[in-house]
Every structure is written in structure tokens, then in C-alpha cells.
Amino acid sequence: MRKFEWLFKTTFLFLLCLPASFAGADCAKLNDAANSNAAAHYPRESYSVGGKGRLYFYTAPSGECRDDQTFVIPGDSLVLYSDYKGWYNVGYTNPKTGNDASGWVKPARLKYQGTLGPKN
């Protein structure tokens, strides 16, 4: 009986010490909050993807919200919609298929290309 009591206490303490982020981020809530507070960019700005390999999109501005199905590669062009706490909310349109995607990325691999409309 004492063995099980020790195991229960040890497991309870272990779970108690886990960081809250271990449970995972609520990406939908994070995205809603970011969109409500993000700084919009007008006119829209264009950026090209640099570096090597895939640049994954995130469903919210958090490292825990990576969308493993959506990415761009070096040379692709992105449109900046807004920014929030060091993240860019961007859009991409595939020039071959016309399919589009949007999401959050860290701007470190992006190179400014210019504005897409008249400056106000």
C-alpha cells in the first residue's frame, strides 16, 4: 500500500510542476487576440522569403501554433497584412495554382521588396 501511496504523491507533484504551456496553446484564442490588437499595414508591403528550407506558417503568433501543412520556400513573395509582438501576419498566393494561404511568420527571413499600392 505504501508503494502506491508514494507513486501517487510523486505523480501528483510531477504534474503540478509541469509548466502551463505544456498543455498547449489555444491557438484560436491567441489568433483572435492578435488580430484584434495587431498593427495593420497600409499600403500593403511585399516581402520575399530568404534563407534556406521551408518557412512554416503559424495559425497564431506563438511557437506552439505551427501549421505543418502550410509553408513557403526561398524566393516566394508574401504580402504583409499586420504585425503583432514580433510576428507578421502574411498572405501568399501560389502563382502556378492561384491557391492562397495566410498565417503568422517570424520576419527574420523576410526581405522587404516595396509597397503594393499608392502611398497615402
Protein backbone atom coordinates (compact mmCIF):
# COMPACT_ATOMS: atom_id res chain seq x y z
CA MET A 1 0.00 0.00 0.00
CA ARG A 2 2.83 2.40 0.82
CA LYS A 3 4.35 1.83 -2.61
CA PHE A 4 1.18 3.05 -4.33
CA GLU A 5 0.88 6.00 -1.98
CA TRP A 6 4.43 7.08 -2.84
CA LEU A 7 3.74 6.64 -6.58
CA PHE A 8 0.54 8.70 -6.33
CA LYS A 9 2.30 11.53 -4.46
CA THR A 10 5.25 11.52 -6.86
CA THR A 11 2.99 11.60 -9.92
CA PHE A 12 0.87 14.36 -8.42
CA LEU A 13 3.95 16.50 -7.68
CA PHE A 14 5.32 15.88 -11.16
CA LEU A 15 2.09 17.02 -12.80
CA LEU A 16 1.88 20.02 -10.50
CA CYS A 17 5.34 21.16 -11.56
CA LEU A 18 4.68 21.00 -15.31
CA PRO A 19 4.57 24.41 -16.96
CA ALA A 20 1.16 25.63 -18.05
CA SER A 21 2.35 25.83 -21.66
CA PHE A 22 2.84 22.05 -21.72
CA ALA A 23 -0.89 21.65 -22.14
CA GLY A 24 -0.62 23.53 -25.42
CA ALA A 25 -1.65 26.94 -26.55
CA ASP A 26 -5.21 27.78 -27.50
CA CYS A 27 -4.19 28.95 -30.96
CA ALA A 28 -7.67 30.11 -31.97
CA LYS A 29 -7.89 32.43 -28.94
CA LEU A 30 -4.33 33.68 -29.47
CA ASN A 31 -5.10 34.41 -33.12
CA ASP A 32 -8.29 36.30 -32.24
CA ALA A 33 -6.46 38.40 -29.64
CA ALA A 34 -3.59 39.13 -32.04
CA ASN A 35 -5.93 40.13 -34.87
CA SER A 36 -7.80 42.47 -32.53
CA ASN A 37 -4.60 44.19 -31.40
CA ALA A 38 -2.29 43.92 -34.42
CA ALA A 39 -0.96 46.96 -36.24
CA ALA A 40 -2.36 46.93 -39.79
CA HIS A 41 -0.04 47.89 -42.65
CA TYR A 42 -1.38 50.20 -45.37
CA PRO A 43 -0.40 50.31 -48.06
CA ARG A 44 0.40 46.62 -48.14
CA GLU A 45 4.08 45.69 -48.24
CA SER A 46 5.69 42.92 -50.23
CA TYR A 47 8.44 40.66 -48.86
CA SER A 48 10.46 37.85 -50.41
CA VAL A 49 11.43 34.75 -48.46
CA GLY A 50 15.16 34.29 -47.94
CA GLY A 51 17.33 31.75 -46.19
CA LYS A 52 17.16 28.01 -46.71
CA GLY A 53 14.37 25.49 -46.46
CA ARG A 54 10.73 25.85 -45.63
CA LEU A 55 9.31 28.82 -43.75
CA TYR A 56 6.25 27.45 -41.96
CA PHE A 57 3.12 29.46 -41.27
CA TYR A 58 1.63 29.55 -37.78
CA THR A 59 -2.09 29.74 -37.04
CA ALA A 60 -1.37 32.27 -34.27
CA PRO A 61 1.68 34.30 -33.21
CA SER A 62 3.09 31.55 -30.98
CA GLY A 63 5.77 28.92 -31.49
CA GLU A 64 3.23 26.34 -30.35
CA CYS A 65 0.86 27.00 -33.26
CA ARG A 66 2.84 25.80 -36.28
CA ASP A 67 0.78 24.67 -39.26
CA ASP A 68 2.79 21.73 -40.61
CA GLN A 69 0.86 21.80 -43.90
CA THR A 70 1.44 25.44 -44.85
CA PHE A 71 4.84 26.81 -45.77
CA VAL A 72 6.69 28.89 -48.33
CA ILE A 73 10.18 28.49 -49.73
CA PRO A 74 13.02 30.88 -50.57
CA GLY A 75 12.09 33.17 -53.42
CA ASP A 76 8.34 33.16 -52.68
CA SER A 77 6.63 36.53 -52.25
CA LEU A 78 4.46 37.40 -49.27
CA VAL A 79 2.11 40.29 -48.55
CA LEU A 80 2.23 41.81 -45.07
CA TYR A 81 -1.20 42.44 -43.54
CA SER A 82 -0.28 43.28 -39.94
CA ASP A 83 2.27 42.75 -37.20
CA TYR A 84 1.93 41.78 -33.56
CA LYS A 85 4.60 41.25 -30.91
CA GLY A 86 7.37 40.38 -33.34
CA TRP A 87 5.23 38.29 -35.71
CA TYR A 88 3.96 39.17 -39.21
CA ASN A 89 0.52 38.17 -40.44
CA VAL A 90 1.11 37.47 -44.13
CA GLY A 91 -0.59 36.15 -47.22
CA TYR A 92 0.75 34.07 -50.08
CA THR A 93 -0.72 33.25 -53.49
CA ASN A 94 0.80 30.39 -55.45
CA PRO A 95 1.48 31.83 -58.94
CA LYS A 96 1.03 28.42 -60.62
CA THR A 97 -2.21 27.27 -58.97
CA GLY A 98 -3.76 30.51 -57.70
CA ASN A 99 -4.25 28.87 -54.29
CA ASP A 100 -3.71 31.23 -51.40
CA ALA A 101 -2.78 30.89 -47.76
CA SER A 102 -2.30 33.21 -44.82
CA GLY A 103 -0.79 32.92 -41.40
CA TRP A 104 1.81 34.21 -38.99
CA VAL A 105 5.59 34.09 -39.53
CA LYS A 106 8.66 35.48 -37.81
CA PRO A 107 10.13 38.19 -40.07
CA ALA A 108 13.81 37.22 -39.72
CA ARG A 109 13.89 35.52 -43.14
CA LEU A 110 11.88 38.17 -44.97
CA LYS A 111 13.35 40.83 -47.22
CA TYR A 112 11.36 44.00 -47.91
CA GLN A 113 10.53 44.40 -51.60
CA GLY A 114 8.33 47.52 -51.58
CA THR A 115 4.73 48.65 -51.30
CA LEU A 116 1.89 47.20 -53.35
CA GLY A 117 -0.26 50.31 -53.67
CA PRO A 118 -0.08 54.05 -53.65
CA LYS A 119 1.34 55.65 -50.54
CA ASN A 120 -1.11 57.86 -48.66
